[in-house]
């Protein structure tokens, strides 16, 4: 699949019989650049700590750009298990390329109007799904923000509840509540 996507070198499973972190790093760097050409990826992979940072950075970029979660432990192993994780990233690119080639062939032929209607329906469904995902993300961010403010609000509530109130303040509050009830 990598060869079809114009990856510059030939890769086989034999390359991964023994752990081969350099090849995994090279391949993951190339794949990340396919998703985001401006991505900042660390080049130093000599030390264990550097490799961990590299894997984490790559996994984070893939998660944000391709919406895929990679198993960083398997990627770090740089063996046959890493190939499965790499295939998770390569497969959508391969399918997109294959589908675009099929579309070019299909555009040459006249498309049935019923098929066009089905495509439009699928596109509408896709747009609504993306909108829903965006809404869920936004509401999740709002919820996270509100929950982070809850600690301060809880402390303020506790302070108010623990404060001793004057009898005149309590009577005044009850009087205001009675007046408000009479108005309604």
N, C-alpha and C. Protein backbone atom coordinates (compact mmCIF):
# COMPACT_ATOMS: atom_id res chain seq x y z
N UNK A 1 0.82 -1.19 0.00
CA UNK A 1 0.00 0.00 0.00
C UNK A 1 0.86 1.26 0.00
N UNK A 2 1.96 1.21 0.74
CA UNK A 2 2.83 2.39 0.82
C UNK A 2 3.41 2.72 -0.55
N UNK A 3 3.69 1.70 -1.32
CA UNK A 3 4.25 1.91 -2.66
C UNK A 3 3.24 2.61 -3.56
N UNK A 4 1.98 2.24 -3.46
CA UNK A 4 0.92 2.86 -4.25
C UNK A 4 0.78 4.33 -3.86
N UNK A 5 1.03 4.64 -2.59
CA UNK A 5 0.92 6.01 -2.11
C UNK A 5 2.18 6.83 -2.38
N UNK A 6 3.10 6.26 -3.16
CA UNK A 6 4.35 6.91 -3.57
C UNK A 6 5.38 7.01 -2.45
N UNK A 7 5.36 6.05 -1.54
CA UNK A 7 6.41 6.02 -0.53
C UNK A 7 7.71 5.66 -1.24
N UNK A 8 8.80 6.36 -0.96
CA UNK A 8 10.01 6.22 -1.78
C UNK A 8 10.74 4.88 -1.71
N UNK A 9 10.51 4.08 -0.68
CA UNK A 9 11.26 2.82 -0.63
C UNK A 9 10.32 1.63 -0.45
N UNK A 10 10.81 0.47 -0.81
CA UNK A 10 10.04 -0.76 -0.73
C UNK A 10 10.09 -1.30 0.70
N UNK A 11 8.93 -1.69 1.21
CA UNK A 11 8.85 -2.21 2.58
C UNK A 11 8.23 -3.59 2.52
N UNK A 12 8.80 -4.52 3.28
CA UNK A 12 8.20 -5.85 3.39
C UNK A 12 8.11 -6.22 4.87
N UNK A 13 7.40 -7.29 5.15
CA UNK A 13 7.27 -7.75 6.53
C UNK A 13 8.62 -8.22 7.08
N UNK A 14 9.53 -8.60 6.19
CA UNK A 14 10.86 -9.03 6.62
C UNK A 14 11.58 -7.90 7.36
N UNK A 15 11.29 -6.66 6.98
CA UNK A 15 11.92 -5.53 7.65
C UNK A 15 11.54 -5.45 9.13
N UNK A 16 10.44 -6.10 9.50
CA UNK A 16 9.94 -6.00 10.87
C UNK A 16 10.05 -7.31 11.64
N UNK A 17 10.79 -8.28 11.14
CA UNK A 17 11.00 -9.52 11.89
C UNK A 17 11.74 -9.21 13.19
N UNK A 18 12.71 -8.33 13.09
CA UNK A 18 13.43 -7.80 14.26
C UNK A 18 12.97 -6.36 14.45
N UNK A 19 12.94 -5.86 15.67
CA UNK A 19 12.53 -4.47 15.87
C UNK A 19 13.36 -3.52 15.01
N UNK A 20 12.68 -2.63 14.31
CA UNK A 20 13.33 -1.71 13.38
C UNK A 20 12.73 -0.32 13.60
N UNK A 21 13.17 0.35 14.66
CA UNK A 21 12.56 1.63 15.03
C UNK A 21 12.85 2.70 13.99
N UNK A 22 14.02 2.66 13.37
CA UNK A 22 14.35 3.68 12.37
C UNK A 22 13.35 3.65 11.21
N UNK A 23 12.98 2.47 10.76
CA UNK A 23 12.03 2.36 9.66
C UNK A 23 10.64 2.81 10.11
N UNK A 24 10.25 2.44 11.32
CA UNK A 24 8.95 2.88 11.85
C UNK A 24 8.93 4.40 11.92
N UNK A 25 10.02 4.99 12.42
CA UNK A 25 10.09 6.45 12.55
C UNK A 25 10.04 7.11 11.18
N UNK A 26 10.77 6.57 10.23
CA UNK A 26 10.78 7.13 8.88
C UNK A 26 9.39 7.05 8.25
N UNK A 27 8.76 5.90 8.38
CA UNK A 27 7.44 5.69 7.80
C UNK A 27 6.39 6.56 8.48
N UNK A 28 6.43 6.64 9.81
CA UNK A 28 5.44 7.46 10.53
C UNK A 28 5.64 8.94 10.22
N UNK A 29 6.88 9.37 10.08
CA UNK A 29 7.14 10.77 9.71
C UNK A 29 6.54 11.05 8.34
N UNK A 30 6.75 10.15 7.40
CA UNK A 30 6.20 10.33 6.06
C UNK A 30 4.67 10.35 6.10
N UNK A 31 4.06 9.46 6.87
CA UNK A 31 2.60 9.41 6.96
C UNK A 31 2.03 10.67 7.60
N UNK A 32 2.68 11.14 8.65
CA UNK A 32 2.20 12.38 9.29
C UNK A 32 2.29 13.53 8.31
N UNK A 33 3.35 13.57 7.52
CA UNK A 33 3.49 14.63 6.52
C UNK A 33 2.40 14.53 5.45
N UNK A 34 1.88 13.32 5.20
CA UNK A 34 0.78 13.17 4.25
C UNK A 34 -0.50 13.81 4.81
N UNK A 35 -0.69 13.70 6.11
CA UNK A 35 -1.88 14.28 6.74
C UNK A 35 -1.70 15.77 7.00
N UNK A 36 -0.50 16.18 7.42
CA UNK A 36 -0.25 17.58 7.75
C UNK A 36 1.20 17.90 7.40
N UNK A 37 1.38 18.58 6.28
CA UNK A 37 2.74 18.87 5.81
C UNK A 37 3.46 19.86 6.72
N UNK A 38 2.73 20.61 7.53
CA UNK A 38 3.33 21.60 8.42
C UNK A 38 3.62 21.04 9.82
N UNK A 39 3.36 19.77 10.03
CA UNK A 39 3.52 19.17 11.37
C UNK A 39 4.98 19.24 11.82
N UNK A 40 5.15 19.51 13.10
CA UNK A 40 6.48 19.59 13.70
C UNK A 40 6.76 18.27 14.42
N UNK A 41 7.64 17.48 13.82
CA UNK A 41 7.94 16.15 14.35
C UNK A 41 9.40 16.12 14.78
N UNK A 42 9.68 15.62 15.99
CA UNK A 42 11.08 15.55 16.43
C UNK A 42 11.89 14.58 15.55
N UNK A 43 13.11 14.98 15.22
CA UNK A 43 13.96 14.15 14.36
C UNK A 43 14.87 13.23 15.15
N UNK A 44 15.15 13.58 16.39
CA UNK A 44 16.09 12.82 17.21
C UNK A 44 15.39 11.59 17.80
N UNK A 45 15.88 10.40 17.44
CA UNK A 45 15.29 9.15 17.96
C UNK A 45 16.37 8.23 18.51
N UNK A 46 17.48 8.82 18.94
CA UNK A 46 18.59 8.00 19.42
C UNK A 46 18.32 7.41 20.80
N UNK A 47 17.86 8.22 21.72
CA UNK A 47 17.65 7.74 23.09
C UNK A 47 16.24 7.23 23.30
N UNK A 48 16.07 6.49 24.39
CA UNK A 48 14.75 5.94 24.72
C UNK A 48 13.74 7.06 24.95
N UNK A 49 14.15 8.09 25.68
CA UNK A 49 13.25 9.21 25.96
C UNK A 49 12.86 9.93 24.66
N UNK A 50 13.83 10.09 23.76
CA UNK A 50 13.56 10.74 22.47
C UNK A 50 12.56 9.93 21.65
N UNK A 51 12.70 8.62 21.70
CA UNK A 51 11.77 7.76 20.96
C UNK A 51 10.36 7.85 21.53
N UNK A 52 10.26 7.89 22.85
CA UNK A 52 8.94 8.01 23.48
C UNK A 52 8.29 9.33 23.07
N UNK A 53 9.07 10.41 23.09
CA UNK A 53 8.54 11.71 22.68
C UNK A 53 8.10 11.66 21.22
N UNK A 54 8.92 11.03 20.37
CA UNK A 54 8.57 10.91 18.95
C UNK A 54 7.24 10.17 18.78
N UNK A 55 7.11 9.01 19.42
CA UNK A 55 5.89 8.20 19.28
C UNK A 55 4.68 8.97 19.80
N UNK A 56 4.82 9.62 20.94
CA UNK A 56 3.70 10.38 21.49
C UNK A 56 3.29 11.52 20.56
N UNK A 57 4.27 12.22 20.01
CA UNK A 57 3.98 13.33 19.10
C UNK A 57 3.25 12.83 17.86
N UNK A 58 3.76 11.76 17.28
CA UNK A 58 3.14 11.20 16.08
C UNK A 58 1.71 10.74 16.38
N UNK A 59 1.53 10.04 17.48
CA UNK A 59 0.20 9.55 17.84
C UNK A 59 -0.77 10.70 18.07
N UNK A 60 -0.29 11.77 18.68
CA UNK A 60 -1.15 12.92 18.93
C UNK A 60 -1.54 13.60 17.62
N UNK A 61 -0.61 13.76 16.72
CA UNK A 61 -0.91 14.39 15.43
C UNK A 61 -1.90 13.54 14.65
N UNK A 62 -1.68 12.24 14.61
CA UNK A 62 -2.60 11.34 13.90
C UNK A 62 -3.98 11.40 14.55
N UNK A 63 -4.03 11.47 15.87
CA UNK A 63 -5.33 11.54 16.56
C UNK A 63 -6.07 12.81 16.21
N UNK A 64 -5.37 13.93 16.09
CA UNK A 64 -6.05 15.19 15.80
C UNK A 64 -6.36 15.36 14.32
N UNK A 65 -5.49 14.89 13.46
CA UNK A 65 -5.69 15.10 12.03
C UNK A 65 -6.50 14.00 11.36
N UNK A 66 -6.27 12.75 11.76
CA UNK A 66 -6.94 11.62 11.10
C UNK A 66 -8.00 10.99 11.98
N UNK A 67 -8.16 11.48 13.19
CA UNK A 67 -9.16 10.97 14.13
C UNK A 67 -9.00 9.46 14.36
N UNK A 68 -7.76 9.05 14.56
CA UNK A 68 -7.46 7.64 14.83
C UNK A 68 -6.63 7.55 16.10
N UNK A 69 -6.93 6.55 16.89
CA UNK A 69 -6.14 6.32 18.11
C UNK A 69 -5.17 5.19 17.83
N UNK A 70 -3.90 5.47 18.03
CA UNK A 70 -2.86 4.47 17.81
C UNK A 70 -2.39 3.93 19.15
N UNK A 71 -2.02 2.66 19.15
CA UNK A 71 -1.45 2.03 20.34
C UNK A 71 0.04 2.36 20.35
N UNK A 72 0.42 3.29 21.21
CA UNK A 72 1.81 3.76 21.22
C UNK A 72 2.79 2.68 21.66
N UNK A 73 2.35 1.77 22.50
CA UNK A 73 3.24 0.69 22.93
C UNK A 73 3.60 -0.22 21.76
N UNK A 74 2.61 -0.52 20.93
CA UNK A 74 2.89 -1.37 19.77
C UNK A 74 3.78 -0.65 18.77
N UNK A 75 3.56 0.66 18.58
CA UNK A 75 4.42 1.42 17.68
C UNK A 75 5.86 1.43 18.20
N UNK A 76 6.02 1.58 19.49
CA UNK A 76 7.36 1.62 20.08
C UNK A 76 8.07 0.28 19.92
N UNK A 77 7.33 -0.83 19.90
CA UNK A 77 7.95 -2.14 19.72
C UNK A 77 8.65 -2.24 18.37
N UNK A 78 8.14 -1.54 17.37
CA UNK A 78 8.74 -1.48 16.04
C UNK A 78 8.89 -2.85 15.41
N UNK A 79 7.91 -3.72 15.62
CA UNK A 79 7.95 -5.06 15.03
C UNK A 79 6.65 -5.29 14.25
N UNK A 80 6.25 -6.53 14.11
CA UNK A 80 5.04 -6.86 13.36
C UNK A 80 3.79 -6.21 13.93
N UNK A 81 3.76 -6.02 15.25
CA UNK A 81 2.60 -5.35 15.86
C UNK A 81 2.54 -3.88 15.46
N UNK A 82 3.70 -3.28 15.27
CA UNK A 82 3.75 -1.88 14.82
C UNK A 82 3.18 -1.76 13.41
N UNK A 83 3.37 -2.80 12.61
CA UNK A 83 2.84 -2.78 11.24
C UNK A 83 1.33 -2.64 11.26
N UNK A 84 0.67 -3.33 12.20
CA UNK A 84 -0.79 -3.22 12.30
C UNK A 84 -1.21 -1.79 12.61
N UNK A 85 -0.46 -1.12 13.47
CA UNK A 85 -0.77 0.27 13.80
C UNK A 85 -0.51 1.18 12.60
N UNK A 86 0.56 0.91 11.88
CA UNK A 86 0.88 1.71 10.70
C UNK A 86 -0.19 1.52 9.64
N UNK A 87 -0.68 0.29 9.51
CA UNK A 87 -1.74 0.03 8.53
C UNK A 87 -3.02 0.80 8.85
N UNK A 88 -3.27 1.05 10.13
CA UNK A 88 -4.44 1.86 10.50
C UNK A 88 -4.36 3.25 9.87
N UNK A 89 -3.14 3.76 9.75
CA UNK A 89 -2.94 5.10 9.21
C UNK A 89 -2.88 5.07 7.69
N UNK A 90 -2.28 4.03 7.13
CA UNK A 90 -2.12 3.95 5.67
C UNK A 90 -3.44 3.65 4.97
N UNK A 91 -4.26 2.79 5.56
CA UNK A 91 -5.48 2.32 4.90
C UNK A 91 -6.40 3.44 4.44
N UNK A 92 -6.72 4.45 5.26
CA UNK A 92 -7.59 5.52 4.76
C UNK A 92 -6.99 6.29 3.59
N UNK A 93 -5.67 6.50 3.62
CA UNK A 93 -5.03 7.17 2.49
C UNK A 93 -5.13 6.33 1.23
N UNK A 94 -4.91 5.04 1.38
CA UNK A 94 -4.99 4.13 0.24
C UNK A 94 -6.41 4.09 -0.32
N UNK A 95 -7.40 3.99 0.57
CA UNK A 95 -8.79 3.96 0.11
C UNK A 95 -9.18 5.26 -0.57
N UNK A 96 -8.72 6.38 -0.04
CA UNK A 96 -9.03 7.68 -0.66
C UNK A 96 -8.43 7.76 -2.05
N UNK A 97 -7.21 7.29 -2.22
CA UNK A 97 -6.58 7.31 -3.53
C UNK A 97 -7.33 6.39 -4.49
N UNK A 98 -7.66 5.20 -4.02
CA UNK A 98 -8.38 4.24 -4.85
C UNK A 98 -9.76 4.78 -5.24
N UNK A 99 -10.46 5.39 -4.28
CA UNK A 99 -11.78 5.94 -4.56
C UNK A 99 -11.71 7.11 -5.53
N UNK A 100 -10.67 7.93 -5.41
CA UNK A 100 -10.55 9.06 -6.34
C UNK A 100 -10.28 8.56 -7.75
N UNK A 101 -9.51 7.49 -7.88
CA UNK A 101 -9.28 6.91 -9.20
C UNK A 101 -10.57 6.33 -9.76
N UNK A 102 -11.35 5.66 -8.91
CA UNK A 102 -12.64 5.12 -9.35
C UNK A 102 -13.60 6.22 -9.75
N UNK A 103 -13.58 7.34 -9.03
CA UNK A 103 -14.45 8.47 -9.36
C UNK A 103 -14.11 9.04 -10.72
N UNK A 104 -12.81 9.13 -11.00
CA UNK A 104 -12.39 9.66 -12.29
C UNK A 104 -12.92 8.77 -13.42
N UNK A 105 -12.88 7.46 -13.19
CA UNK A 105 -13.42 6.55 -14.20
C UNK A 105 -14.93 6.68 -14.30
N UNK A 106 -15.59 6.83 -13.16
CA UNK A 106 -17.05 6.95 -13.15
C UNK A 106 -17.53 8.26 -13.74
N UNK A 107 -16.75 9.33 -13.62
CA UNK A 107 -17.16 10.62 -14.15
C UNK A 107 -17.22 10.58 -15.67
N UNK A 108 -16.45 9.69 -16.27
CA UNK A 108 -16.48 9.58 -17.72
C UNK A 108 -17.81 9.02 -18.20
N UNK A 109 -18.40 8.16 -17.41
CA UNK A 109 -19.68 7.56 -17.78
C UNK A 109 -20.82 8.41 -17.25
N UNK A 110 -21.98 8.31 -17.90
CA UNK A 110 -23.15 9.03 -17.39
C UNK A 110 -23.63 8.36 -16.12
N UNK A 111 -23.92 9.17 -15.13
CA UNK A 111 -24.38 8.65 -13.84
C UNK A 111 -25.89 8.62 -13.82
N UNK A 112 -26.43 7.53 -13.31
CA UNK A 112 -27.87 7.37 -13.18
C UNK A 112 -28.40 8.42 -12.18
N UNK A 113 -29.49 9.12 -12.50
CA UNK A 113 -30.02 10.14 -11.59
C UNK A 113 -30.37 9.58 -10.21
N UNK A 114 -30.82 8.33 -10.17
CA UNK A 114 -31.17 7.72 -8.89
C UNK A 114 -29.91 7.55 -8.03
N UNK A 115 -28.81 7.22 -8.66
CA UNK A 115 -27.55 7.07 -7.95
C UNK A 115 -27.08 8.43 -7.43
N UNK A 116 -27.24 9.48 -8.25
CA UNK A 116 -26.87 10.83 -7.81
C UNK A 116 -27.66 11.23 -6.58
N UNK A 117 -28.96 10.90 -6.56
CA UNK A 117 -29.81 11.22 -5.42
C UNK A 117 -29.29 10.50 -4.17
N UNK A 118 -28.89 9.24 -4.32
CA UNK A 118 -28.36 8.48 -3.19
C UNK A 118 -27.05 9.10 -2.70
N UNK A 119 -26.21 9.56 -3.64
CA UNK A 119 -24.96 10.21 -3.26
C UNK A 119 -25.24 11.49 -2.49
N UNK A 120 -26.20 12.28 -2.97
CA UNK A 120 -26.55 13.52 -2.27
C UNK A 120 -27.08 13.23 -0.88
N UNK A 121 -27.86 12.15 -0.76
CA UNK A 121 -28.39 11.76 0.54
C UNK A 121 -27.24 11.37 1.48
N UNK A 122 -26.27 10.63 0.94
CA UNK A 122 -25.11 10.24 1.74
C UNK A 122 -24.29 11.47 2.16
N UNK A 123 -24.14 12.41 1.25
CA UNK A 123 -23.39 13.63 1.56
C UNK A 123 -24.11 14.42 2.64
N UNK A 124 -25.44 14.50 2.55
CA UNK A 124 -26.22 15.19 3.57
C UNK A 124 -26.05 14.51 4.92
N UNK A 125 -26.10 13.19 4.92
CA UNK A 125 -25.91 12.44 6.16
C UNK A 125 -24.52 12.70 6.73
N UNK A 126 -23.53 12.71 5.87
CA UNK A 126 -22.16 12.97 6.31
C UNK A 126 -22.03 14.37 6.90
N UNK A 127 -22.63 15.36 6.24
CA UNK A 127 -22.57 16.73 6.76
C UNK A 127 -23.24 16.84 8.11
N UNK A 128 -24.39 16.19 8.25
CA UNK A 128 -25.09 16.25 9.54
C UNK A 128 -24.29 15.53 10.62
N UNK A 129 -23.62 14.44 10.26
CA UNK A 129 -22.78 13.73 11.23
C UNK A 129 -21.61 14.60 11.67
N UNK A 130 -21.00 15.29 10.72
CA UNK A 130 -19.89 16.18 11.06
C UNK A 130 -20.36 17.33 11.95
N UNK A 131 -21.54 17.87 11.64
CA UNK A 131 -22.11 18.94 12.46
C UNK A 131 -22.38 18.43 13.87
N UNK A 132 -22.92 17.23 13.96
CA UNK A 132 -23.20 16.64 15.27
C UNK A 132 -21.90 16.41 16.05
N UNK A 133 -20.87 15.93 15.38
CA UNK A 133 -19.57 15.74 16.03
C UNK A 133 -19.02 17.06 16.53
N UNK A 134 -19.15 18.08 15.72
CA UNK A 134 -18.68 19.41 16.12
C UNK A 134 -19.44 19.92 17.33
N UNK A 135 -20.76 19.72 17.33
CA UNK A 135 -21.59 20.14 18.45
C UNK A 135 -21.21 19.39 19.72
N UNK A 136 -21.02 18.08 19.59
CA UNK A 136 -20.64 17.27 20.75
C UNK A 136 -19.31 17.74 21.31
N UNK A 137 -18.37 18.02 20.43
CA UNK A 137 -17.06 18.49 20.87
C UNK A 137 -17.18 19.82 21.60
N UNK A 138 -17.98 20.72 21.03
CA UNK A 138 -18.15 22.04 21.64
C UNK A 138 -18.83 21.92 23.00
N UNK A 139 -19.87 21.11 23.09
CA UNK A 139 -20.57 20.94 24.37
C UNK A 139 -19.66 20.28 25.39
N UNK A 140 -18.84 19.34 24.95
CA UNK A 140 -17.89 18.71 25.85
C UNK A 140 -16.88 19.71 26.40
N UNK A 141 -16.42 20.61 25.53
CA UNK A 141 -15.48 21.65 25.98
C UNK A 141 -16.15 22.58 26.98
N UNK A 142 -17.41 22.95 26.70
CA UNK A 142 -18.15 23.81 27.63
C UNK A 142 -18.34 23.11 28.97
N UNK A 143 -18.70 21.84 28.93
CA UNK A 143 -18.89 21.07 30.16
C UNK A 143 -17.59 20.99 30.96
N UNK A 144 -16.50 20.77 30.26
CA UNK A 144 -15.20 20.70 30.93
C UNK A 144 -14.88 22.03 31.61
N UNK A 145 -15.16 23.13 30.92
CA UNK A 145 -14.91 24.45 31.49
C UNK A 145 -15.77 24.69 32.72
N UNK A 146 -17.05 24.33 32.63
CA UNK A 146 -17.96 24.52 33.76
C UNK A 146 -17.55 23.65 34.95
N UNK A 147 -17.14 22.43 34.67
CA UNK A 147 -16.70 21.54 35.76
C UNK A 147 -15.43 22.06 36.42
N UNK A 148 -14.57 22.70 35.65
CA UNK A 148 -13.36 23.26 36.25
C UNK A 148 -13.70 24.44 37.16
N UNK A 149 -14.79 25.15 36.86
CA UNK A 149 -15.23 26.26 37.71
C UNK A 149 -15.99 25.77 38.94
N UNK A 150 -16.43 24.52 38.94
CA UNK A 150 -17.23 23.98 40.03
C UNK A 150 -16.47 23.99 41.35
N UNK A 151 -15.17 23.79 41.33
CA UNK A 151 -14.38 23.77 42.56
C UNK A 151 -14.49 25.13 43.27
N UNK A 152 -14.34 26.21 42.50
CA UNK A 152 -14.46 27.55 43.08
C UNK A 152 -15.88 27.81 43.57
N UNK A 153 -16.87 27.39 42.79
CA UNK A 153 -18.27 27.59 43.17
C UNK A 153 -18.59 26.81 44.44
N UNK A 154 -18.06 25.62 44.58
CA UNK A 154 -18.30 24.80 45.77
C UNK A 154 -17.74 25.50 47.01
N UNK A 155 -16.54 26.05 46.87
CA UNK A 155 -15.94 26.78 48.00
C UNK A 155 -16.78 27.99 48.37
N UNK A 156 -17.28 28.72 47.38
CA UNK A 156 -18.11 29.90 47.65
C UNK A 156 -19.40 29.49 48.34
N UNK A 157 -20.02 28.40 47.91
CA UNK A 157 -21.25 27.91 48.55
C UNK A 157 -20.98 27.54 50.00
N UNK A 158 -19.88 26.85 50.23
CA UNK A 158 -19.54 26.45 51.59
C UNK A 158 -19.32 27.67 52.49
N UNK A 159 -18.66 28.70 51.95
CA UNK A 159 -18.43 29.92 52.72
C UNK A 159 -19.75 30.58 53.09
N UNK A 160 -20.68 30.66 52.14
CA UNK A 160 -21.98 31.28 52.40
C UNK A 160 -22.77 30.45 53.42
N UNK A 161 -22.73 29.14 53.27
CA UNK A 161 -23.48 28.28 54.19
C UNK A 161 -22.90 28.31 55.60
N UNK A 162 -21.62 28.48 55.73
CA UNK A 162 -20.97 28.48 57.04
C UNK A 162 -21.02 29.85 57.72
N UNK A 163 -21.39 30.86 56.98
CA UNK A 163 -21.42 32.21 57.53
C UNK A 163 -22.62 32.36 58.45
N UNK A 164 -22.40 32.95 59.60
CA UNK A 164 -23.50 33.21 60.54
C UNK A 164 -24.28 34.42 60.05
N UNK A 165 -25.60 34.28 59.96
CA UNK A 165 -26.42 35.37 59.45
C UNK A 165 -27.07 36.11 60.62
N UNK A 166 -27.23 37.39 60.45
CA UNK A 166 -27.93 38.21 61.43
C UNK A 166 -29.42 37.93 61.33
N UNK A 167 -30.11 38.02 62.44
CA UNK A 167 -31.55 37.78 62.48
C UNK A 167 -32.28 38.78 61.59
N UNK A 168 -31.81 40.02 61.57
CA UNK A 168 -32.47 41.05 60.74
C UNK A 168 -32.34 40.72 59.25
N UNK A 169 -31.19 40.17 58.84
CA UNK A 169 -30.99 39.78 57.43
C UNK A 169 -31.96 38.67 57.05
N UNK A 170 -32.15 37.70 57.92
CA UNK A 170 -33.05 36.58 57.65
C UNK A 170 -34.48 37.09 57.54
N UNK A 171 -34.90 37.98 58.48
CA UNK A 171 -36.26 38.52 58.44
C UNK A 171 -36.48 39.33 57.17
N UNK A 172 -35.49 40.09 56.79
CA UNK A 172 -35.59 40.91 55.58
C UNK A 172 -35.72 40.02 54.34
N UNK A 173 -34.96 38.95 54.28
CA UNK A 173 -35.04 38.01 53.15
C UNK A 173 -36.39 37.33 53.09
N UNK A 174 -36.95 36.96 54.23
CA UNK A 174 -38.28 36.33 54.26
C UNK A 174 -39.33 37.33 53.80
N UNK A 175 -39.21 38.58 54.23
CA UNK A 175 -40.16 39.62 53.81
C UNK A 175 -40.12 39.83 52.30
N UNK A 176 -38.93 39.85 51.72
CA UNK A 176 -38.81 40.00 50.27
C UNK A 176 -39.42 38.82 49.54
N UNK A 177 -39.23 37.63 50.06
CA UNK A 177 -39.82 36.44 49.45
C UNK A 177 -41.33 36.48 49.53
N UNK A 178 -41.90 36.97 50.64
CA UNK A 178 -43.36 37.10 50.77
C UNK A 178 -43.90 38.09 49.77
N UNK A 179 -43.23 39.23 49.64
CA UNK A 179 -43.67 40.25 48.68
C UNK A 179 -43.62 39.72 47.25
N UNK A 180 -42.59 38.99 46.94
CA UNK A 180 -42.47 38.41 45.60
C UNK A 180 -43.57 37.40 45.35
N UNK A 181 -43.93 36.63 46.38
CA UNK A 181 -45.00 35.63 46.24
C UNK A 181 -46.35 36.30 46.06
N UNK A 182 -46.59 37.44 46.73
CA UNK A 182 -47.86 38.16 46.60
C UNK A 182 -48.02 38.76 45.21
N UNK A 183 -46.94 39.22 44.63
CA UNK A 183 -46.98 39.83 43.30
C UNK A 183 -47.36 38.79 42.25
N UNK A 184 -46.90 37.60 42.40
CA UNK A 184 -47.19 36.54 41.42
C UNK A 184 -48.59 36.11 41.61
